[in-house]
Amino acid sequence: MIVIFAASALVQWRLRSKFRQYSEVGLRNGMSGREVAEHML
């Protein structure tokens, strides 16, 4: 349980770090999240 708790904290930190990193990279086609979702649907 201790090992998994530590792994969970690491994964959550890494996820937030990656999300921040890729949130700063603009999509070349300029679509927003809403537009991507509507297009896929």
Full PDB file with SEQRES, HELIX, SHEET, SSBOND, CRYST1, ORIGX, SCALE, CONECT and MASTER records, all heavy atoms in Angstrom:
SEQRES   1 A   41  MET ILE VAL ILE PHE ALA ALA SER ALA LEU VAL GLN TRP          
SEQRES   2 A   41  ARG LEU ARG SER LYS PHE ARG GLN TYR SER GLU VAL GLY          
SEQRES   3 A   41  LEU ARG ASN GLY MET SER GLY ARG GLU VAL ALA GLU HIS          
SEQRES   4 A   41  MET LEU                                                      
HELIX    1 AA1 ILE A    2  SER A   23  1                                  22    
HELIX    2 AA2 GLY A   33  MET A   40  1                                   8    
CRYST1    1.000    1.000    1.000  90.00  90.00  90.00 P 1           1          
ORIGX1      1.000000  0.000000  0.000000        0.00000                         
ORIGX2      0.000000  1.000000  0.000000        0.00000                         
ORIGX3      0.000000  0.000000  1.000000        0.00000                         
SCALE1      1.000000  0.000000  0.000000        0.00000                         
SCALE2      0.000000  1.000000  0.000000        0.00000                         
SCALE3      0.000000  0.000000  1.000000        0.00000                         
ATOM      1  N   MET A   1       0.829  -1.208   0.000  1.00  0.00           N  
ATOM      2  CA  MET A   1       0.000   0.000   0.000  1.00  0.00           C  
ATOM      3  C   MET A   1       0.864   1.258   0.000  1.00  0.00           C  
ATOM      4  O   MET A   1       0.557   2.230  -0.698  1.00  0.00           O  
ATOM      5  CB  MET A   1      -0.930   0.000   1.216  1.00  0.00           C  
ATOM      6  CG  MET A   1      -2.064  -1.016   1.121  1.00  0.00           C  
ATOM      7  SD  MET A   1      -3.042  -1.098   2.643  1.00  0.00           S  
ATOM      8  CE  MET A   1      -3.738   0.558   2.689  1.00  0.00           C  
ATOM      9  N   ILE A   2       1.943   1.238   0.772  1.00  0.00           N  
ATOM     10  CA  ILE A   2       2.845   2.394   0.831  1.00  0.00           C  
ATOM     11  C   ILE A   2       3.505   2.634  -0.524  1.00  0.00           C  
ATOM     12  O   ILE A   2       3.602   3.766  -1.005  1.00  0.00           O  
ATOM     13  CB  ILE A   2       3.912   2.194   1.921  1.00  0.00           C  
ATOM     14  CG1 ILE A   2       3.254   2.180   3.306  1.00  0.00           C  
ATOM     15  CG2 ILE A   2       4.973   3.286   1.854  1.00  0.00           C  
ATOM     16  CD1 ILE A   2       4.192   1.828   4.436  1.00  0.00           C  
ATOM     17  N   VAL A   3       3.960   1.539  -1.140  1.00  0.00           N  
ATOM     18  CA  VAL A   3       4.613   1.639  -2.448  1.00  0.00           C  
ATOM     19  C   VAL A   3       3.637   2.196  -3.483  1.00  0.00           C  
ATOM     20  O   VAL A   3       3.981   3.089  -4.275  1.00  0.00           O  
ATOM     21  CB  VAL A   3       5.152   0.262  -2.896  1.00  0.00           C  
ATOM     22  CG1 VAL A   3       5.607   0.323  -4.354  1.00  0.00           C  
ATOM     23  CG2 VAL A   3       6.281  -0.184  -1.998  1.00  0.00           C  
ATOM     24  N   ILE A   4       2.409   1.692  -3.479  1.00  0.00           N  
ATOM     25  CA  ILE A   4       1.411   2.141  -4.455  1.00  0.00           C  
ATOM     26  C   ILE A   4       1.003   3.582  -4.193  1.00  0.00           C  
ATOM     27  O   ILE A   4       0.779   4.359  -5.123  1.00  0.00           O  
ATOM     28  CB  ILE A   4       0.188   1.207  -4.431  1.00  0.00           C  
ATOM     29  CG1 ILE A   4       0.576  -0.173  -4.978  1.00  0.00           C  
ATOM     30  CG2 ILE A   4      -0.962   1.790  -5.248  1.00  0.00           C  
ATOM     31  CD1 ILE A   4      -0.524  -1.193  -4.912  1.00  0.00           C  
ATOM     32  N   PHE A   5       0.921   3.973  -2.910  1.00  0.00           N  
ATOM     33  CA  PHE A   5       0.612   5.366  -2.580  1.00  0.00           C  
ATOM     34  C   PHE A   5       1.684   6.296  -3.143  1.00  0.00           C  
ATOM     35  O   PHE A   5       1.374   7.354  -3.715  1.00  0.00           O  
ATOM     36  CB  PHE A   5       0.511   5.543  -1.064  1.00  0.00           C  
ATOM     37  CG  PHE A   5       0.271   6.961  -0.633  1.00  0.00           C  
ATOM     38  CD1 PHE A   5      -0.997   7.520  -0.690  1.00  0.00           C  
ATOM     39  CD2 PHE A   5       1.318   7.752  -0.180  1.00  0.00           C  
ATOM     40  CE1 PHE A   5      -1.218   8.839  -0.312  1.00  0.00           C  
ATOM     41  CE2 PHE A   5       1.109   9.075   0.203  1.00  0.00           C  
ATOM     42  CZ  PHE A   5      -0.163   9.613   0.142  1.00  0.00           C  
ATOM     43  N   ALA A   6       2.949   5.893  -2.989  1.00  0.00           N  
ATOM     44  CA  ALA A   6       4.054   6.699  -3.524  1.00  0.00           C  
ATOM     45  C   ALA A   6       3.987   6.755  -5.048  1.00  0.00           C  
ATOM     46  O   ALA A   6       4.191   7.806  -5.657  1.00  0.00           O  
ATOM     47  CB  ALA A   6       5.394   6.119  -3.071  1.00  0.00           C  
ATOM     48  N   ALA A   7       3.680   5.610  -5.659  1.00  0.00           N  
ATOM     49  CA  ALA A   7       3.567   5.559  -7.121  1.00  0.00           C  
ATOM     50  C   ALA A   7       2.420   6.437  -7.603  1.00  0.00           C  
ATOM     51  O   ALA A   7       2.532   7.123  -8.625  1.00  0.00           O  
ATOM     52  CB  ALA A   7       3.365   4.119  -7.577  1.00  0.00           C  
ATOM     53  N   SER A   8       1.304   6.424  -6.860  1.00  0.00           N  
ATOM     54  CA  SER A   8       0.152   7.240  -7.219  1.00  0.00           C  
ATOM     55  C   SER A   8       0.499   8.727  -7.185  1.00  0.00           C  
ATOM     56  O   SER A   8       0.128   9.482  -8.092  1.00  0.00           O  
ATOM     57  CB  SER A   8      -1.003   6.952  -6.259  1.00  0.00           C  
ATOM     58  OG  SER A   8      -2.111   7.793  -6.551  1.00  0.00           O  
ATOM     59  N   ALA A   9       1.210   9.140  -6.143  1.00  0.00           N  
ATOM     60  CA  ALA A   9       1.612  10.547  -6.022  1.00  0.00           C  
ATOM     61  C   ALA A   9       2.526  10.940  -7.177  1.00  0.00           C  
ATOM     62  O   ALA A   9       2.397  12.035  -7.742  1.00  0.00           O  
ATOM     63  CB  ALA A   9       2.319  10.767  -4.682  1.00  0.00           C  
ATOM     64  N   LEU A  10       3.435  10.030  -7.547  1.00  0.00           N  
ATOM     65  CA  LEU A  10       4.349  10.296  -8.650  1.00  0.00           C  
ATOM     66  C   LEU A  10       3.605  10.416  -9.970  1.00  0.00           C  
ATOM     67  O   LEU A  10       3.852  11.342 -10.766  1.00  0.00           O  
ATOM     68  CB  LEU A  10       5.388   9.181  -8.743  1.00  0.00           C  
ATOM     69  CG  LEU A  10       6.382   9.265  -9.914  1.00  0.00           C  
ATOM     70  CD1 LEU A  10       7.213  10.539  -9.817  1.00  0.00           C  
ATOM     71  CD2 LEU A  10       7.284   8.037  -9.943  1.00  0.00           C  
ATOM     72  N   VAL A  11       2.672   9.502 -10.216  1.00  0.00           N  
ATOM     73  CA  VAL A  11       1.915   9.516 -11.467  1.00  0.00           C  
ATOM     74  C   VAL A  11       1.043  10.774 -11.561  1.00  0.00           C  
ATOM     75  O   VAL A  11       0.952  11.405 -12.619  1.00  0.00           O  
ATOM     76  CB  VAL A  11       1.043   8.243 -11.588  1.00  0.00           C  
ATOM     77  CG1 VAL A  11       0.056   8.376 -12.743  1.00  0.00           C  
ATOM     78  CG2 VAL A  11       1.920   7.020 -11.794  1.00  0.00           C  
ATOM     79  N   GLN A  12       0.404  11.145 -10.447  1.00  0.00           N  
ATOM     80  CA  GLN A  12      -0.427  12.354 -10.450  1.00  0.00           C  
ATOM     81  C   GLN A  12       0.416  13.594 -10.732  1.00  0.00           C  
ATOM     82  O   GLN A  12       0.004  14.474 -11.502  1.00  0.00           O  
ATOM     83  CB  GLN A  12      -1.137  12.494  -9.096  1.00  0.00           C  
ATOM     84  CG  GLN A  12      -2.260  11.515  -8.865  1.00  0.00           C  
ATOM     85  CD  GLN A  12      -3.497  11.832  -9.684  1.00  0.00           C  
ATOM     86  OE1 GLN A  12      -3.616  12.914 -10.270  1.00  0.00           O  
ATOM     87  NE2 GLN A  12      -4.427  10.892  -9.742  1.00  0.00           N  
ATOM     88  N   TRP A  13       1.589  13.647 -10.117  1.00  0.00           N  
ATOM     89  CA  TRP A  13       2.491  14.786 -10.357  1.00  0.00           C  
ATOM     90  C   TRP A  13       2.930  14.826 -11.804  1.00  0.00           C  
ATOM     91  O   TRP A  13       2.941  15.881 -12.452  1.00  0.00           O  
ATOM     92  CB  TRP A  13       3.713  14.678  -9.444  1.00  0.00           C  
ATOM     93  CG  TRP A  13       4.778  15.683  -9.799  1.00  0.00           C  
ATOM     94  CD1 TRP A  13       4.832  16.997  -9.458  1.00  0.00           C  
ATOM     95  CD2 TRP A  13       5.949  15.429 -10.608  1.00  0.00           C  
ATOM     96  NE1 TRP A  13       5.949  17.586  -9.990  1.00  0.00           N  
ATOM     97  CE2 TRP A  13       6.651  16.653 -10.692  1.00  0.00           C  
ATOM     98  CE3 TRP A  13       6.462  14.298 -11.233  1.00  0.00           C  
ATOM     99  CZ2 TRP A  13       7.848  16.768 -11.412  1.00  0.00           C  
ATOM    100  CZ3 TRP A  13       7.650  14.409 -11.946  1.00  0.00           C  
ATOM    101  CH2 TRP A  13       8.335  15.627 -12.032  1.00  0.00           C  
ATOM    102  N   ARG A  14       3.270  13.646 -12.354  1.00  0.00           N  
ATOM    103  CA  ARG A  14       3.725  13.568 -13.741  1.00  0.00           C  
ATOM    104  C   ARG A  14       2.600  13.942 -14.710  1.00  0.00           C  
ATOM    105  O   ARG A  14       2.838  14.633 -15.711  1.00  0.00           O  
ATOM    106  CB  ARG A  14       4.212  12.138 -14.033  1.00  0.00           C  
ATOM    107  CG  ARG A  14       4.977  11.998 -15.337  1.00  0.00           C  
ATOM    108  CD  ARG A  14       6.235  12.803 -15.327  1.00  0.00           C  
ATOM    109  NE  ARG A  14       7.033  12.547 -16.518  1.00  0.00           N  
ATOM    110  CZ  ARG A  14       8.031  13.307 -16.916  1.00  0.00           C  
ATOM    111  NH1 ARG A  14       8.344  14.404 -16.225  1.00  0.00           N  
ATOM    112  NH2 ARG A  14       8.722  13.001 -18.008  1.00  0.00           N  
ATOM    113  N   LEU A  15       1.368  13.508 -14.408  1.00  0.00           N  
ATOM    114  CA  LEU A  15       0.231  13.834 -15.262  1.00  0.00           C  
ATOM    115  C   LEU A  15       0.014  15.343 -15.317  1.00  0.00           C  
ATOM    116  O   LEU A  15      -0.157  15.919 -16.393  1.00  0.00           O  
ATOM    117  CB  LEU A  15      -1.031  13.142 -14.755  1.00  0.00           C  
ATOM    118  CG  LEU A  15      -2.350  13.557 -15.424  1.00  0.00           C  
ATOM    119  CD1 LEU A  15      -2.311  13.250 -16.922  1.00  0.00           C  
ATOM    120  CD2 LEU A  15      -3.530  12.878 -14.751  1.00  0.00           C  
ATOM    121  N   ARG A  16       0.022  15.981 -14.157  1.00  0.00           N  
ATOM    122  CA  ARG A  16      -0.188  17.432 -14.112  1.00  0.00           C  
ATOM    123  C   ARG A  16       0.951  18.169 -14.818  1.00  0.00           C  
ATOM    124  O   ARG A  16       0.730  19.182 -15.489  1.00  0.00           O  
ATOM    125  CB  ARG A  16      -0.323  17.905 -12.669  1.00  0.00           C  
ATOM    126  CG  ARG A  16      -1.601  17.399 -12.002  1.00  0.00           C  
ATOM    127  CD  ARG A  16      -1.748  17.892 -10.578  1.00  0.00           C  
ATOM    128  NE  ARG A  16      -2.955  17.370  -9.971  1.00  0.00           N  
ATOM    129  CZ  ARG A  16      -4.171  17.887 -10.131  1.00  0.00           C  
ATOM    130  NH1 ARG A  16      -4.321  18.968 -10.883  1.00  0.00           N  
ATOM    131  NH2 ARG A  16      -5.212  17.341  -9.548  1.00  0.00           N  
ATOM    132  N   SER A  17       2.163  17.639 -14.657  1.00  0.00           N  
ATOM    133  CA  SER A  17       3.317  18.242 -15.320  1.00  0.00           C  
ATOM    134  C   SER A  17       3.181  18.139 -16.835  1.00  0.00           C  
ATOM    135  O   SER A  17       3.412  19.114 -17.566  1.00  0.00           O  
ATOM    136  CB  SER A  17       4.601  17.544 -14.858  1.00  0.00           C  
ATOM    137  OG  SER A  17       5.728  18.015 -15.570  1.00  0.00           O  
ATOM    138  N   LYS A  18       2.798  16.955 -17.325  1.00  0.00           N  
ATOM    139  CA  LYS A  18       2.626  16.759 -18.764  1.00  0.00           C  
ATOM    140  C   LYS A  18       1.484  17.622 -19.299  1.00  0.00           C  
ATOM    141  O   LYS A  18       1.580  18.190 -20.401  1.00  0.00           O  
ATOM    142  CB  LYS A  18       2.344  15.283 -19.052  1.00  0.00           C  
ATOM    143  CG  LYS A  18       3.535  14.367 -18.853  1.00  0.00           C  
ATOM    144  CD  LYS A  18       4.580  14.578 -19.937  1.00  0.00           C  
ATOM    145  CE  LYS A  18       5.707  13.581 -19.817  1.00  0.00           C  
ATOM    146  NZ  LYS A  18       6.722  13.769 -20.894  1.00  0.00           N  
ATOM    147  N   PHE A  19       0.394  17.699 -18.532  1.00  0.00           N  
ATOM    148  CA  PHE A  19      -0.754  18.485 -18.978  1.00  0.00           C  
ATOM    149  C   PHE A  19      -0.374  19.956 -19.103  1.00  0.00           C  
ATOM    150  O   PHE A  19      -0.741  20.621 -20.075  1.00  0.00           O  
ATOM    151  CB  PHE A  19      -1.915  18.320 -18.004  1.00  0.00           C  
ATOM    152  CG  PHE A  19      -3.189  18.966 -18.479  1.00  0.00           C  
ATOM    153  CD1 PHE A  19      -4.007  18.335 -19.403  1.00  0.00           C  
ATOM    154  CD2 PHE A  19      -3.572  20.221 -18.021  1.00  0.00           C  
ATOM    155  CE1 PHE A  19      -5.171  18.930 -19.862  1.00  0.00           C  
ATOM    156  CE2 PHE A  19      -4.720  20.825 -18.472  1.00  0.00           C  
ATOM    157  CZ  PHE A  19      -5.530  20.175 -19.395  1.00  0.00           C  
ATOM    158  N   ARG A  20       0.382  20.467 -18.109  1.00  0.00           N  
ATOM    159  CA  ARG A  20       0.838  21.862 -18.181  1.00  0.00           C  
ATOM    160  C   ARG A  20       1.749  22.064 -19.397  1.00  0.00           C  
ATOM    161  O   ARG A  20       1.638  23.063 -20.114  1.00  0.00           O  
ATOM    162  CB  ARG A  20       1.576  22.250 -16.903  1.00  0.00           C  
ATOM    163  CG  ARG A  20       0.670  22.523 -15.716  1.00  0.00           C  
ATOM    164  CD  ARG A  20       1.430  23.236 -14.617  1.00  0.00           C  
ATOM    165  NE  ARG A  20       2.555  22.432 -14.137  1.00  0.00           N  
ATOM    166  CZ  ARG A  20       2.485  21.559 -13.141  1.00  0.00           C  
ATOM    167  NH1 ARG A  20       1.325  21.382 -12.501  1.00  0.00           N  
ATOM    168  NH2 ARG A  20       3.542  20.883 -12.760  1.00  0.00           N  
ATOM    169  N   GLN A  21       2.648  21.104 -19.605  1.00  0.00           N  
ATOM    170  CA  GLN A  21       3.591  21.208 -20.717  1.00  0.00           C  
ATOM    171  C   GLN A  21       2.880  21.234 -22.066  1.00  0.00           C  
ATOM    172  O   GLN A  21       3.130  22.114 -22.899  1.00  0.00           O  
ATOM    173  CB  GLN A  21       4.559  20.021 -20.671  1.00  0.00           C  
ATOM    174  CG  GLN A  21       5.548  19.991 -21.831  1.00  0.00           C  
ATOM    175  CD  GLN A  21       6.406  18.730 -21.819  1.00  0.00           C  
ATOM    176  OE1 GLN A  21       6.436  17.983 -20.841  1.00  0.00           O  
ATOM    177  NE2 GLN A  21       7.119  18.488 -22.916  1.00  0.00           N  
ATOM    178  N   TYR A  22       1.961  20.309 -22.277  1.00  0.00           N  
ATOM    179  CA  TYR A  22       1.281  20.213 -23.564  1.00  0.00           C  
ATOM    180  C   TYR A  22       0.166  21.242 -23.708  1.00  0.00           C  
ATOM    181  O   TYR A  22      -0.318  21.478 -24.819  1.00  0.00           O  
ATOM    182  CB  TYR A  22       0.752  18.803 -23.778  1.00  0.00           C  
ATOM    183  CG  TYR A  22       1.853  17.752 -23.801  1.00  0.00           C  
ATOM    184  CD1 TYR A  22       1.666  16.496 -23.228  1.00  0.00           C  
ATOM    185  CD2 TYR A  22       3.093  18.031 -24.374  1.00  0.00           C  
ATOM    186  CE1 TYR A  22       2.680  15.543 -23.233  1.00  0.00           C  
ATOM    187  CE2 TYR A  22       4.112  17.092 -24.385  1.00  0.00           C  
ATOM    188  CZ  TYR A  22       3.898  15.847 -23.814  1.00  0.00           C  
ATOM    189  OH  TYR A  22       4.910  14.917 -23.826  1.00  0.00           O  
ATOM    190  N   SER A  23      -0.241  21.847 -22.603  1.00  0.00           N  
ATOM    191  CA  SER A  23      -1.234  22.926 -22.665  1.00  0.00           C  
ATOM    192  C   SER A  23      -0.610  24.193 -23.236  1.00  0.00           C  
ATOM    193  O   SER A  23      -1.324  25.104 -23.674  1.00  0.00           O  
ATOM    194  CB  SER A  23      -1.806  23.213 -21.275  1.00  0.00           C  
ATOM    195  OG  SER A  23      -2.608  22.146 -20.836  1.00  0.00           O  
ATOM    196  N   GLU A  24       0.701  24.266 -23.219  1.00  0.00           N  
ATOM    197  CA  GLU A  24       1.415  25.427 -23.750  1.00  0.00           C  
ATOM    198  C   GLU A  24       1.793  25.253 -25.213  1.00  0.00           C  
ATOM    199  O   GLU A  24       2.359  26.155 -25.828  1.00  0.00           O  
ATOM    200  CB  GLU A  24       2.666  25.683 -22.903  1.00  0.00           C  
ATOM    201  CG  GLU A  24       2.359  26.053 -21.458  1.00  0.00           C  
ATOM    202  CD  GLU A  24       3.612  26.175 -20.607  1.00  0.00           C  
ATOM    203  OE1 GLU A  24       4.712  25.928 -21.152  1.00  0.00           O  
ATOM    204  OE2 GLU A  24       3.496  26.502 -19.415  1.00  0.00           O  
ATOM    205  N   VAL A  25       1.500  24.060 -25.768  1.00  0.00           N  
ATOM    206  CA  VAL A  25       1.796  23.789 -27.175  1.00  0.00           C  
ATOM    207  C   VAL A  25       0.514  23.950 -27.988  1.00  0.00           C  
ATOM    208  O   VAL A  25      -0.424  23.163 -27.838  1.00  0.00           O  
ATOM    209  CB  VAL A  25       2.357  22.363 -27.373  1.00  0.00           C  
ATOM    210  CG1 VAL A  25       2.640  22.105 -28.848  1.00  0.00           C  
ATOM    211  CG2 VAL A  25       3.614  22.163 -26.532  1.00  0.00           C  
ATOM    212  N   GLY A  26       0.455  24.959 -28.800  1.00  0.00           N  
ATOM    213  CA  GLY A  26      -0.739  25.214 -29.587  1.00  0.00           C  
ATOM    214  C   GLY A  26      -0.934  24.187 -30.695  1.00  0.00           C  
ATOM    215  O   GLY A  26       0.031  23.785 -31.352  1.00  0.00           O  
ATOM    216  N   LEU A  27      -2.165  23.760 -30.871  1.00  0.00           N  
ATOM    217  CA  LEU A  27      -2.483  22.831 -31.948  1.00  0.00           C  
ATOM    218  C   LEU A  27      -2.360  23.592 -33.273  1.00  0.00           C  
ATOM    219  O   LEU A  27      -2.921  24.674 -33.428  1.00  0.00           O  
ATOM    220  CB  LEU A  27      -3.919  22.313 -31.762  1.00  0.00           C  
ATOM    221  CG  LEU A  27      -4.313  21.038 -32.503  1.00  0.00           C  
ATOM    222  CD1 LEU A  27      -3.491  19.846 -32.012  1.00  0.00           C  
ATOM    223  CD2 LEU A  27      -5.798  20.754 -32.310  1.00  0.00           C  
ATOM    224  N   ARG A  28      -1.655  23.017 -34.213  1.00  0.00           N  
ATOM    225  CA  ARG A  28      -1.358  23.736 -35.451  1.00  0.00           C  
ATOM    226  C   ARG A  28      -2.615  24.125 -36.222  1.00  0.00           C  
ATOM    227  O   ARG A  28      -2.658  25.191 -36.851  1.00  0.00           O  
ATOM    228  CB  ARG A  28      -0.427  22.899 -36.333  1.00  0.00           C  
ATOM    229  CG  ARG A  28       0.020  23.620 -37.614  1.00  0.00           C  
ATOM    230  CD  ARG A  28       1.183  22.929 -38.279  1.00  0.00           C  
ATOM    231  NE  ARG A  28       2.367  22.918 -37.421  1.00  0.00           N  
ATOM    232  CZ  ARG A  28       3.557  22.412 -37.792  1.00  0.00           C  
ATOM    233  NH1 ARG A  28       3.684  21.862 -38.990  1.00  0.00           N  
ATOM    234  NH2 ARG A  28       4.585  22.434 -36.969  1.00  0.00           N  
ATOM    235  N   ASN A  29      -3.647  23.294 -36.171  1.00  0.00           N  
ATOM    236  CA  ASN A  29      -4.869  23.636 -36.920  1.00  0.00           C  
ATOM    237  C   ASN A  29      -5.747  24.651 -36.183  1.00  0.00           C  
ATOM    238  O   ASN A  29      -6.761  25.097 -36.708  1.00  0.00           O  
ATOM    239  CB  ASN A  29      -5.676  22.386 -37.265  1.00  0.00           C  
ATOM    240  CG  ASN A  29      -6.275  21.699 -36.036  1.00  0.00           C  
ATOM    241  OD1 ASN A  29      -6.296  22.252 -34.939  1.00  0.00           O  
ATOM    242  ND2 ASN A  29      -6.769  20.492 -36.222  1.00  0.00           N  
ATOM    243  N   GLY A  30      -5.375  24.990 -34.938  1.00  0.00           N  
ATOM    244  CA  GLY A  30      -6.069  26.053 -34.206  1.00  0.00           C  
ATOM    245  C   GLY A  30      -7.406  25.688 -33.595  1.00  0.00           C  
ATOM    246  O   GLY A  30      -8.118  26.563 -33.088  1.00  0.00           O  
ATOM    247  N   MET A  31      -7.765  24.396 -33.603  1.00  0.00           N  
ATOM    248  CA  MET A  31      -9.063  23.992 -33.048  1.00  0.00           C  
ATOM    249  C   MET A  31      -9.041  24.015 -31.523  1.00  0.00           C  
ATOM    250  O   MET A  31      -8.029  23.671 -30.895  1.00  0.00           O  
ATOM    251  CB  MET A  31      -9.434  22.587 -33.534  1.00  0.00           C  
ATOM    252  CG  MET A  31      -9.698  22.499 -35.026  1.00  0.00           C  
ATOM    253  SD  MET A  31      -9.989  20.794 -35.585  1.00  0.00           S  
ATOM    254  CE  MET A  31     -11.590  20.479 -34.826  1.00  0.00           C  
ATOM    255  N   SER A  32     -10.169  24.391 -30.927  1.00  0.00           N  
ATOM    256  CA  SER A  32     -10.302  24.365 -29.464  1.00  0.00           C  
ATOM    257  C   SER A  32     -10.741  22.972 -29.028  1.00  0.00           C  
ATOM    258  O   SER A  32     -11.147  22.144 -29.857  1.00  0.00           O  
ATOM    259  CB  SER A  32     -11.336  25.391 -29.004  1.00  0.00           C  
ATOM    260  OG  SER A  32     -12.630  25.022 -29.451  1.00  0.00           O  
ATOM    261  N   GLY A  33     -10.685  22.719 -27.727  1.00  0.00           N  
ATOM    262  CA  GLY A  33     -11.152  21.433 -27.213  1.00  0.00           C  
ATOM    263  C   GLY A  33     -12.603  21.183 -27.578  1.00  0.00           C  
ATOM    264  O   GLY A  33     -12.979  20.069 -27.949  1.00  0.00           O  
ATOM    265  N   ARG A  34     -13.419  22.222 -27.477  1.00  0.00           N  
ATOM    266  CA  ARG A  34     -14.845  22.090 -27.837  1.00  0.00           C  
ATOM    267  C   ARG A  34     -14.997  21.727 -29.305  1.00  0.00           C  
ATOM    268  O   ARG A  34     -15.792  20.830 -29.662  1.00  0.00           O  
ATOM    269  CB  ARG A  34     -15.583  23.398 -27.539  1.00  0.00           C  
ATOM    270  CG  ARG A  34     -17.048  23.384 -27.996  1.00  0.00           C  
ATOM    271  CD  ARG A  34     -17.703  24.738 -27.785  1.00  0.00           C  
ATOM    272  NE  ARG A  34     -17.051  25.784 -28.556  1.00  0.00           N  
ATOM    273  CZ  ARG A  34     -17.262  26.007 -29.857  1.00  0.00           C  
ATOM    274  NH1 ARG A  34     -18.113  25.245 -30.533  1.00  0.00           N  
ATOM    275  NH2 ARG A  34     -16.639  26.987 -30.475  1.00  0.00           N  
ATOM    276  N   GLU A  35     -14.248  22.384 -30.155  1.00  0.00           N  
ATOM    277  CA  GLU A  35     -14.352  22.129 -31.590  1.00  0.00           C  
ATOM    278  C   GLU A  35     -13.871  20.727 -31.948  1.00  0.00           C  
ATOM    279  O   GLU A  35     -14.471  20.058 -32.807  1.00  0.00           O  
ATOM    280  CB  GLU A  35     -13.548  23.183 -32.362  1.00  0.00           C  
ATOM    281  CG  GLU A  35     -14.159  24.568 -32.285  1.00  0.00           C  
ATOM    282  CD  GLU A  35     -13.229  25.656 -32.794  1.00  0.00           C  
ATOM    283  OE1 GLU A  35     -11.996  25.424 -32.827  1.00  0.00           O  
ATOM    284  OE2 GLU A  35     -13.728  26.742 -33.146  1.00  0.00           O  
ATOM    285  N   VAL A  36     -12.821  20.265 -31.289  1.00  0.00           N  
ATOM    286  CA  VAL A  36     -12.325  18.906 -31.517  1.00  0.00           C  
ATOM    287  C   VAL A  36     -13.407  17.895 -31.136  1.00  0.00           C  
ATOM    288  O   VAL A  36     -13.679  16.944 -31.878  1.00  0.00           O  
ATOM    289  CB  VAL A  36     -11.033  18.644 -30.715  1.00  0.00           C  
ATOM    290  CG1 VAL A  36     -10.685  17.154 -30.710  1.00  0.00           C  
ATOM    291  CG2 VAL A  36      -9.868  19.448 -31.281  1.00  0.00           C  
ATOM    292  N   ALA A  37     -14.012  18.115 -29.955  1.00  0.00           N  
ATOM    293  CA  ALA A  37     -15.053  17.199 -29.477  1.00  0.00           C  
ATOM    294  C   ALA A  37     -16.246  17.179 -30.436  1.00  0.00           C  
ATOM    295  O   ALA A  37     -16.741  16.106 -30.802  1.00  0.00           O  
ATOM    296  CB  ALA A  37     -15.508  17.608 -28.079  1.00  0.00           C  
ATOM    297  N   GLU A  38     -16.700  18.339 -30.838  1.00  0.00           N  
ATOM    298  CA  GLU A  38     -17.856  18.406 -31.736  1.00  0.00           C  
ATOM    299  C   GLU A  38     -17.543  17.776 -33.091  1.00  0.00           C  
ATOM    300  O   GLU A  38     -18.400  17.116 -33.695  1.00  0.00           O  
ATOM    301  CB  GLU A  38     -18.291  19.861 -31.901  1.00  0.00           C  
ATOM    302  CG  GLU A  38     -18.898  20.459 -30.639  1.00  0.00           C  
ATOM    303  CD  GLU A  38     -19.243  21.932 -30.764  1.00  0.00           C  
ATOM    304  OE1 GLU A  38     -18.756  22.575 -31.719  1.00  0.00           O  
ATOM    305  OE2 GLU A  38     -19.993  22.442 -29.909  1.00  0.00           O  
ATOM    306  N   HIS A  39     -16.331  17.970 -33.550  1.00  0.00           N  
ATOM    307  CA  HIS A  39     -15.913  17.391 -34.833  1.00  0.00           C  
ATOM    308  C   HIS A  39     -15.897  15.865 -34.753  1.00  0.00           C  
ATOM    309  O   HIS A  39     -16.376  15.170 -35.669  1.00  0.00           O  
ATOM    310  CB  HIS A  39     -14.519  17.927 -35.194  1.00  0.00           C  
ATOM    311  CG  HIS A  39     -14.059  17.586 -36.577  1.00  0.00           C  
ATOM    312  ND1 HIS A  39     -14.865  17.003 -37.525  1.00  0.00           N  
ATOM    313  CD2 HIS A  39     -12.842  17.742 -37.173  1.00  0.00           C  
ATOM    314  CE1 HIS A  39     -14.184  16.819 -38.648  1.00  0.00           C  
ATOM    315  NE2 HIS A  39     -12.943  17.255 -38.450  1.00  0.00           N  
ATOM    316  N   MET A  40     -15.359  15.327 -33.666  1.00  0.00           N  
ATOM    317  CA  MET A  40     -15.276  13.871 -33.516  1.00  0.00           C  
ATOM    318  C   MET A  40     -16.666  13.258 -33.398  1.00  0.00           C  
ATOM    319  O   MET A  40     -16.959  12.226 -34.019  1.00  0.00           O  
ATOM    320  CB  MET A  40     -14.436  13.508 -32.291  1.00  0.00           C  
ATOM    321  CG  MET A  40     -14.239  12.009 -32.122  1.00  0.00           C  
ATOM    322  SD  MET A  40     -13.015  11.628 -30.829  1.00  0.00           S  
ATOM    323  CE  MET A  40     -13.130   9.828 -30.772  1.00  0.00           C  
ATOM    324  N   LEU A  41     -17.530  13.891 -32.623  1.00  0.00           N  
ATOM    325  CA  LEU A  41     -18.903  13.382 -32.488  1.00  0.00           C  
ATOM    326  C   LEU A  41     -19.614  13.387 -33.839  1.00  0.00           C  
ATOM    327  O   LEU A  41     -20.312  12.424 -34.182  1.00  0.00           O  
ATOM    328  CB  LEU A  41     -19.676  14.239 -31.476  1.00  0.00           C  
ATOM    329  CG  LEU A  41     -19.225  14.152 -30.013  1.00  0.00           C  
ATOM    330  CD1 LEU A  41     -19.975  15.179 -29.166  1.00  0.00           C  
ATOM    331  CD2 LEU A  41     -19.438  12.751 -29.455  1.00  0.00           C  
TER     332      LEU A  41                                                      
MASTER        0    0    0    2    0    0    0    6  331    1    0    4          
END                                                                             
